[in-house]
């Protein structure tokens, strides 16, 4: 189990987050908690772990998460 996560926002850089610095309700912060820490909403992105999408409300169980911004067309 890790106590930090690297958030790789594609095209925008990476951030290292310590679990202790994340606001969360449970024992382990969720991917939504990590998104909030980098000022992103789960409604505007997809979270991938090892190339696979994960539910944003799932507790973080990886040292790295990739964030892809969703594109809205008109």
PDB file of N, CA and C in Angstrom:
ATOM      1  N   UNK A   1       0.847  -1.178   0.000  1.00  0.00           N
ATOM      2  CA  UNK A   1       0.000   0.000   0.000  1.00  0.00           C
ATOM      3  C   UNK A   1       0.893   1.242   0.000  1.00  0.00           C
ATOM      4  N   UNK A   2       0.477   2.212  -0.713  1.00  0.00           N
ATOM      5  CA  UNK A   2       1.242   3.441  -0.838  1.00  0.00           C
ATOM      6  C   UNK A   2       0.601   4.561  -0.011  1.00  0.00           C
ATOM      7  N   UNK A   3       1.362   5.587   0.277  1.00  0.00           N
ATOM      8  CA  UNK A   3       0.792   6.726   0.994  1.00  0.00           C
ATOM      9  C   UNK A   3       0.910   8.008   0.177  1.00  0.00           C
ATOM     10  N   UNK A   4       1.165   7.835  -1.124  1.00  0.00           N
ATOM     11  CA  UNK A   4       1.218   8.960  -2.050  1.00  0.00           C
ATOM     12  C   UNK A   4       0.825   8.466  -3.433  1.00  0.00           C
ATOM     13  N   UNK A   5       0.477   9.421  -4.297  1.00  0.00           N
ATOM     14  CA  UNK A   5       0.105   9.072  -5.665  1.00  0.00           C
ATOM     15  C   UNK A   5       0.665  10.137  -6.599  1.00  0.00           C
ATOM     16  N   UNK A   6       1.130   9.698  -7.755  1.00  0.00           N
ATOM     17  CA  UNK A   6       1.556  10.604  -8.807  1.00  0.00           C
ATOM     18  C   UNK A   6       0.387  10.770  -9.760  1.00  0.00           C
ATOM     19  N   UNK A   7      -0.040  12.010  -9.966  1.00  0.00           N
ATOM     20  CA  UNK A   7      -1.158  12.315 -10.856  1.00  0.00           C
ATOM     21  C   UNK A   7      -0.558  12.866 -12.150  1.00  0.00           C
ATOM     22  N   UNK A   8      -0.716  12.118 -13.246  1.00  0.00           N
ATOM     23  CA  UNK A   8      -0.218  12.519 -14.559  1.00  0.00           C
ATOM     24  C   UNK A   8      -1.397  13.028 -15.384  1.00  0.00           C
ATOM     25  N   UNK A   9      -1.544  14.348 -15.464  1.00  0.00           N
ATOM     26  CA  UNK A   9      -2.599  14.942 -16.276  1.00  0.00           C
ATOM     27  C   UNK A   9      -2.004  15.113 -17.670  1.00  0.00           C
ATOM     28  N   UNK A  10      -2.445  14.303 -18.615  1.00  0.00           N
ATOM     29  CA  UNK A  10      -1.870  14.293 -19.952  1.00  0.00           C
ATOM     30  C   UNK A  10      -1.903  15.680 -20.578  1.00  0.00           C
ATOM     31  N   UNK A  11      -0.753  16.111 -21.048  1.00  0.00           N
ATOM     32  CA  UNK A  11      -0.627  17.405 -21.685  1.00  0.00           C
ATOM     33  C   UNK A  11      -0.472  18.563 -20.727  1.00  0.00           C
ATOM     34  N   UNK A  12      -0.529  18.280 -19.418  1.00  0.00           N
ATOM     35  CA  UNK A  12      -0.462  19.366 -18.439  1.00  0.00           C
ATOM     36  C   UNK A  12       0.561  19.123 -17.336  1.00  0.00           C
ATOM     37  N   UNK A  13       1.215  17.985 -17.317  1.00  0.00           N
ATOM     38  CA  UNK A  13       2.246  17.720 -16.321  1.00  0.00           C
ATOM     39  C   UNK A  13       1.802  16.759 -15.235  1.00  0.00           C
ATOM     40  N   UNK A  14       2.697  16.556 -14.260  1.00  0.00           N
ATOM     41  CA  UNK A  14       2.438  15.620 -13.167  1.00  0.00           C
ATOM     42  C   UNK A  14       2.538  16.340 -11.831  1.00  0.00           C
ATOM     43  N   UNK A  15       1.867  15.752 -10.844  1.00  0.00           N
ATOM     44  CA  UNK A  15       1.914  16.248  -9.465  1.00  0.00           C
ATOM     45  C   UNK A  15       2.033  15.057  -8.536  1.00  0.00           C
ATOM     46  N   UNK A  16       2.853  15.197  -7.510  1.00  0.00           N
ATOM     47  CA  UNK A  16       2.973  14.200  -6.444  1.00  0.00           C
ATOM     48  C   UNK A  16       2.071  14.628  -5.297  1.00  0.00           C
ATOM     49  N   UNK A  17       1.181  13.744  -4.858  1.00  0.00           N
ATOM     50  CA  UNK A  17       0.270  14.062  -3.765  1.00  0.00           C
ATOM     51  C   UNK A  17       0.468  13.085  -2.614  1.00  0.00           C
ATOM     52  N   UNK A  18       0.577  13.632  -1.411  1.00  0.00           N
ATOM     53  CA  UNK A  18       0.646  12.818  -0.195  1.00  0.00           C
ATOM     54  C   UNK A  18      -0.776  12.571   0.292  1.00  0.00           C
ATOM     55  N   UNK A  19      -1.095  11.334   0.661  1.00  0.00           N
ATOM     56  CA  UNK A  19      -2.435  11.025   1.161  1.00  0.00           C
ATOM     57  C   UNK A  19      -2.814  11.925   2.340  1.00  0.00           C
ATOM     58  N   UNK A  20      -1.853  12.198   3.223  1.00  0.00           N
ATOM     59  CA  UNK A  20      -2.138  13.003   4.408  1.00  0.00           C
ATOM     60  C   UNK A  20      -2.601  14.414   4.039  1.00  0.00           C
ATOM     61  N   UNK A  21      -2.209  14.904   2.859  1.00  0.00           N
ATOM     62  CA  UNK A  21      -2.580  16.249   2.438  1.00  0.00           C
ATOM     63  C   UNK A  21      -3.929  16.284   1.711  1.00  0.00           C
ATOM     64  N   UNK A  22      -4.487  15.115   1.387  1.00  0.00           N
ATOM     65  CA  UNK A  22      -5.759  15.053   0.658  1.00  0.00           C
ATOM     66  C   UNK A  22      -6.921  15.037   1.636  1.00  0.00           C
ATOM     67  N   UNK A  23      -7.955  15.792   1.326  1.00  0.00           N
ATOM     68  CA  UNK A  23      -9.167  15.736   2.135  1.00  0.00           C
ATOM     69  C   UNK A  23      -9.964  14.518   1.698  1.00  0.00           C
ATOM     70  N   UNK A  24     -10.328  13.675   2.686  1.00  0.00           N
ATOM     71  CA  UNK A  24     -11.101  12.476   2.364  1.00  0.00           C
ATOM     72  C   UNK A  24     -11.877  12.010   3.584  1.00  0.00           C
ATOM     73  N   UNK A  25     -12.928  11.221   3.308  1.00  0.00           N
ATOM     74  CA  UNK A  25     -13.802  10.745   4.388  1.00  0.00           C
ATOM     75  C   UNK A  25     -13.412   9.370   4.906  1.00  0.00           C
ATOM     76  N   UNK A  26     -12.905   8.502   4.032  1.00  0.00           N
ATOM     77  CA  UNK A  26     -12.601   7.131   4.415  1.00  0.00           C
ATOM     78  C   UNK A  26     -11.171   6.963   4.895  1.00  0.00           C
ATOM     79  N   UNK A  27     -10.768   5.694   5.063  1.00  0.00           N
ATOM     80  CA  UNK A  27      -9.407   5.379   5.491  1.00  0.00           C
ATOM     81  C   UNK A  27      -8.389   5.759   4.422  1.00  0.00           C
ATOM     82  N   UNK A  28      -8.780   5.540   3.156  1.00  0.00           N
ATOM     83  CA  UNK A  28      -7.897   5.818   2.021  1.00  0.00           C
ATOM     84  C   UNK A  28      -8.599   6.814   1.111  1.00  0.00           C
ATOM     85  N   UNK A  29      -7.893   7.841   0.631  1.00  0.00           N
ATOM     86  CA  UNK A  29      -8.541   8.784  -0.276  1.00  0.00           C
ATOM     87  C   UNK A  29      -8.934   8.110  -1.589  1.00  0.00           C
ATOM     88  N   UNK A  30      -9.913   8.688  -2.257  1.00  0.00           N
ATOM     89  CA  UNK A  30     -10.375   8.161  -3.543  1.00  0.00           C
ATOM     90  C   UNK A  30      -9.725   8.945  -4.679  1.00  0.00           C
ATOM     91  N   UNK A  31      -9.927   8.444  -5.894  1.00  0.00           N
ATOM     92  CA  UNK A  31      -9.417   9.159  -7.056  1.00  0.00           C
ATOM     93  C   UNK A  31     -10.080  10.536  -7.172  1.00  0.00           C
ATOM     94  N   UNK A  32     -11.335  10.661  -6.737  1.00  0.00           N
ATOM     95  CA  UNK A  32     -12.007  11.963  -6.731  1.00  0.00           C
ATOM     96  C   UNK A  32     -11.283  12.932  -5.805  1.00  0.00           C
ATOM     97  N   UNK A  33     -10.818  12.458  -4.657  1.00  0.00           N
ATOM     98  CA  UNK A  33     -10.070  13.305  -3.733  1.00  0.00           C
ATOM     99  C   UNK A  33      -8.788  13.828  -4.392  1.00  0.00           C
ATOM    100  N   UNK A  34      -8.103  12.962  -5.139  1.00  0.00           N
ATOM    101  CA  UNK A  34      -6.883  13.371  -5.841  1.00  0.00           C
ATOM    102  C   UNK A  34      -7.204  14.383  -6.933  1.00  0.00           C
ATOM    103  N   UNK A  35      -8.307  14.168  -7.649  1.00  0.00           N
ATOM    104  CA  UNK A  35      -8.715  15.116  -8.691  1.00  0.00           C
ATOM    105  C   UNK A  35      -8.992  16.489  -8.088  1.00  0.00           C
ATOM    106  N   UNK A  36      -9.677  16.524  -6.957  1.00  0.00           N
ATOM    107  CA  UNK A  36      -9.979  17.799  -6.301  1.00  0.00           C
ATOM    108  C   UNK A  36      -8.694  18.529  -5.925  1.00  0.00           C
ATOM    109  N   UNK A  37      -7.674  17.783  -5.529  1.00  0.00           N
ATOM    110  CA  UNK A  37      -6.407  18.395  -5.127  1.00  0.00           C
ATOM    111  C   UNK A  37      -5.679  19.060  -6.299  1.00  0.00           C
ATOM    112  N   UNK A  38      -5.981  18.623  -7.519  1.00  0.00           N
ATOM    113  CA  UNK A  38      -5.371  19.245  -8.701  1.00  0.00           C
ATOM    114  C   UNK A  38      -6.395  20.090  -9.464  1.00  0.00           C
ATOM    115  N   UNK A  39      -7.470  20.467  -8.777  1.00  0.00           N
ATOM    116  CA  UNK A  39      -8.508  21.353  -9.323  1.00  0.00           C
ATOM    117  C   UNK A  39      -9.191  20.808 -10.570  1.00  0.00           C
ATOM    118  N   UNK A  40      -9.499  19.510 -10.555  1.00  0.00           N
ATOM    119  CA  UNK A  40     -10.246  18.898 -11.655  1.00  0.00           C
ATOM    120  C   UNK A  40     -11.506  18.237 -11.104  1.00  0.00           C
ATOM    121  N   UNK A  41     -12.537  18.206 -11.927  1.00  0.00           N
ATOM    122  CA  UNK A  41     -13.797  17.562 -11.569  1.00  0.00           C
ATOM    123  C   UNK A  41     -13.871  16.201 -12.238  1.00  0.00           C
ATOM    124  N   UNK A  42     -14.435  15.200 -11.557  1.00  0.00           N
ATOM    125  CA  UNK A  42     -14.592  13.886 -12.192  1.00  0.00           C
ATOM    126  C   UNK A  42     -15.523  13.936 -13.401  1.00  0.00           C
ATOM    127  N   UNK A  43     -16.271  15.036 -13.558  1.00  0.00           N
ATOM    128  CA  UNK A  43     -17.175  15.170 -14.691  1.00  0.00           C
ATOM    129  C   UNK A  43     -16.459  15.603 -15.956  1.00  0.00           C
ATOM    130  N   UNK A  44     -15.229  16.080 -15.844  1.00  0.00           N
ATOM    131  CA  UNK A  44     -14.508  16.568 -17.010  1.00  0.00           C
ATOM    132  C   UNK A  44     -13.315  15.702 -17.406  1.00  0.00           C
ATOM    133  N   UNK A  45     -13.094  14.595 -16.678  1.00  0.00           N
ATOM    134  CA  UNK A  45     -11.919  13.763 -16.948  1.00  0.00           C
ATOM    135  C   UNK A  45     -12.260  12.276 -16.843  1.00  0.00           C
ATOM    136  N   UNK A  46     -11.332  11.468 -17.328  1.00  0.00           N
ATOM    137  CA  UNK A  46     -11.346  10.023 -17.084  1.00  0.00           C
ATOM    138  C   UNK A  46     -10.052   9.682 -16.361  1.00  0.00           C
ATOM    139  N   UNK A  47     -10.148   8.786 -15.388  1.00  0.00           N
ATOM    140  CA  UNK A  47      -8.974   8.351 -14.634  1.00  0.00           C
ATOM    141  C   UNK A  47      -8.598   6.956 -15.108  1.00  0.00           C
ATOM    142  N   UNK A  48      -7.308   6.791 -15.415  1.00  0.00           N
ATOM    143  CA  UNK A  48      -6.788   5.497 -15.855  1.00  0.00           C
ATOM    144  C   UNK A  48      -5.703   5.038 -14.895  1.00  0.00           C
ATOM    145  N   UNK A  49      -5.714   3.740 -14.612  1.00  0.00           N
ATOM    146  CA  UNK A  49      -4.644   3.103 -13.848  1.00  0.00           C
ATOM    147  C   UNK A  49      -4.193   1.910 -14.676  1.00  0.00           C
ATOM    148  N   UNK A  50      -2.912   1.863 -14.984  1.00  0.00           N
ATOM    149  CA  UNK A  50      -2.354   0.818 -15.847  1.00  0.00           C
ATOM    150  C   UNK A  50      -3.094   0.751 -17.176  1.00  0.00           C
ATOM    151  N   UNK A  51      -3.499   1.921 -17.692  1.00  0.00           N
ATOM    152  CA  UNK A  51      -4.163   1.993 -18.992  1.00  0.00           C
ATOM    153  C   UNK A  51      -5.630   1.635 -18.995  1.00  0.00           C
ATOM    154  N   UNK A  52      -6.190   1.343 -17.824  1.00  0.00           N
ATOM    155  CA  UNK A  52      -7.606   0.964 -17.726  1.00  0.00           C
ATOM    156  C   UNK A  52      -8.375   1.998 -16.919  1.00  0.00           C
ATOM    157  N   UNK A  53      -9.596   2.320 -17.356  1.00  0.00           N
ATOM    158  CA  UNK A  53     -10.394   3.279 -16.582  1.00  0.00           C
ATOM    159  C   UNK A  53     -10.781   2.709 -15.217  1.00  0.00           C
ATOM    160  N   UNK A  54     -10.811   3.582 -14.231  1.00  0.00           N
ATOM    161  CA  UNK A  54     -11.244   3.193 -12.882  1.00  0.00           C
ATOM    162  C   UNK A  54     -12.337   4.154 -12.425  1.00  0.00           C
ATOM    163  N   UNK A  55     -13.256   3.693 -11.584  1.00  0.00           N
ATOM    164  CA  UNK A  55     -14.267   4.593 -11.029  1.00  0.00           C
ATOM    165  C   UNK A  55     -13.601   5.639 -10.138  1.00  0.00           C
ATOM    166  N   UNK A  56     -14.022   6.880 -10.291  1.00  0.00           N
ATOM    167  CA  UNK A  56     -13.404   7.955  -9.524  1.00  0.00           C
ATOM    168  C   UNK A  56     -13.648   7.818  -8.028  1.00  0.00           C
ATOM    169  N   UNK A  57     -14.733   7.128  -7.630  1.00  0.00           N
ATOM    170  CA  UNK A  57     -15.031   6.993  -6.201  1.00  0.00           C
ATOM    171  C   UNK A  57     -14.322   5.798  -5.560  1.00  0.00           C
ATOM    172  N   UNK A  58     -13.486   5.118  -6.317  1.00  0.00           N
ATOM    173  CA  UNK A  58     -12.725   3.972  -5.800  1.00  0.00           C
ATOM    174  C   UNK A  58     -11.536   4.482  -4.983  1.00  0.00           C
ATOM    175  N   UNK A  59     -11.218   3.825  -3.854  1.00  0.00           N
ATOM    176  CA  UNK A  59     -10.030   4.211  -3.095  1.00  0.00           C
ATOM    177  C   UNK A  59      -8.767   4.054  -3.953  1.00  0.00           C
ATOM    178  N   UNK A  60      -7.842   4.961  -3.780  1.00  0.00           N
ATOM    179  CA  UNK A  60      -6.593   4.913  -4.543  1.00  0.00           C
ATOM    180  C   UNK A  60      -5.818   3.671  -4.130  1.00  0.00           C
ATOM    181  N   UNK A  61      -5.469   2.856  -5.124  1.00  0.00           N
ATOM    182  CA  UNK A  61      -4.716   1.630  -4.838  1.00  0.00           C
ATOM    183  C   UNK A  61      -3.528   1.476  -5.779  1.00  0.00           C
ATOM    184  N   UNK A  62      -3.050   2.586  -6.307  1.00  0.00           N
ATOM    185  CA  UNK A  62      -1.928   2.582  -7.224  1.00  0.00           C
ATOM    186  C   UNK A  62      -1.038   3.777  -6.920  1.00  0.00           C
ATOM    187  N   UNK A  63       0.229   3.677  -7.281  1.00  0.00           N
ATOM    188  CA  UNK A  63       1.150   4.786  -7.053  1.00  0.00           C
ATOM    189  C   UNK A  63       1.056   5.840  -8.143  1.00  0.00           C
ATOM    190  N   UNK A  64       0.443   5.486  -9.289  1.00  0.00           N
ATOM    191  CA  UNK A  64       0.332   6.416 -10.408  1.00  0.00           C
ATOM    192  C   UNK A  64      -1.059   6.359 -11.001  1.00  0.00           C
ATOM    193  N   UNK A  65      -1.609   7.523 -11.313  1.00  0.00           N
ATOM    194  CA  UNK A  65      -2.879   7.600 -12.021  1.00  0.00           C
ATOM    195  C   UNK A  65      -2.717   8.560 -13.187  1.00  0.00           C
ATOM    196  N   UNK A  66      -3.329   8.208 -14.303  1.00  0.00           N
ATOM    197  CA  UNK A  66      -3.296   9.051 -15.487  1.00  0.00           C
ATOM    198  C   UNK A  66      -4.656   9.699 -15.649  1.00  0.00           C
ATOM    199  N   UNK A  67      -4.665  10.985 -15.930  1.00  0.00           N
ATOM    200  CA  UNK A  67      -5.914  11.731 -16.075  1.00  0.00           C
ATOM    201  C   UNK A  67      -5.997  12.258 -17.503  1.00  0.00           C
ATOM    202  N   UNK A  68      -7.100  11.920 -18.159  1.00  0.00           N
ATOM    203  CA  UNK A  68      -7.361  12.417 -19.513  1.00  0.00           C
ATOM    204  C   UNK A  68      -8.547  13.356 -19.470  1.00  0.00           C
ATOM    205  N   UNK A  69      -8.361  14.561 -19.976  1.00  0.00           N
ATOM    206  CA  UNK A  69      -9.496  15.499 -20.067  1.00  0.00           C
ATOM    207  C   UNK A  69     -10.422  15.049 -21.176  1.00  0.00           C
ATOM    208  N   UNK A  70     -11.717  15.102 -20.908  1.00  0.00           N
ATOM    209  CA  UNK A  70     -12.705  14.768 -21.910  1.00  0.00           C
ATOM    210  C   UNK A  70     -12.940  15.979 -22.789  1.00  0.00           C
ATOM    211  N   UNK A  71     -13.125  15.733 -24.068  1.00  0.00           N
ATOM    212  CA  UNK A  71     -13.325  16.806 -25.030  1.00  0.00           C
ATOM    213  C   UNK A  71     -14.787  16.906 -25.365  1.00  0.00           C
ATOM    214  N   UNK A  72     -15.306  18.127 -25.294  1.00  0.00           N
ATOM    215  CA  UNK A  72     -16.696  18.372 -25.673  1.00  0.00           C
ATOM    216  C   UNK A  72     -16.709  18.975 -27.070  1.00  0.00           C
ATOM    217  N   UNK A  73     -17.566  18.461 -27.895  1.00  0.00           N
ATOM    218  CA  UNK A  73     -17.658  18.987 -29.251  1.00  0.00           C
ATOM    219  C   UNK A  73     -18.940  19.772 -29.455  1.00  0.00           C
ATOM    220  N   UNK A  74     -18.955  20.497 -30.548  1.00  0.00           N
ATOM    221  CA  UNK A  74     -20.146  21.284 -30.795  1.00  0.00           C
ATOM    222  C   UNK A  74     -20.586  21.206 -32.220  1.00  0.00           C
TER     223      UNK A  74
END
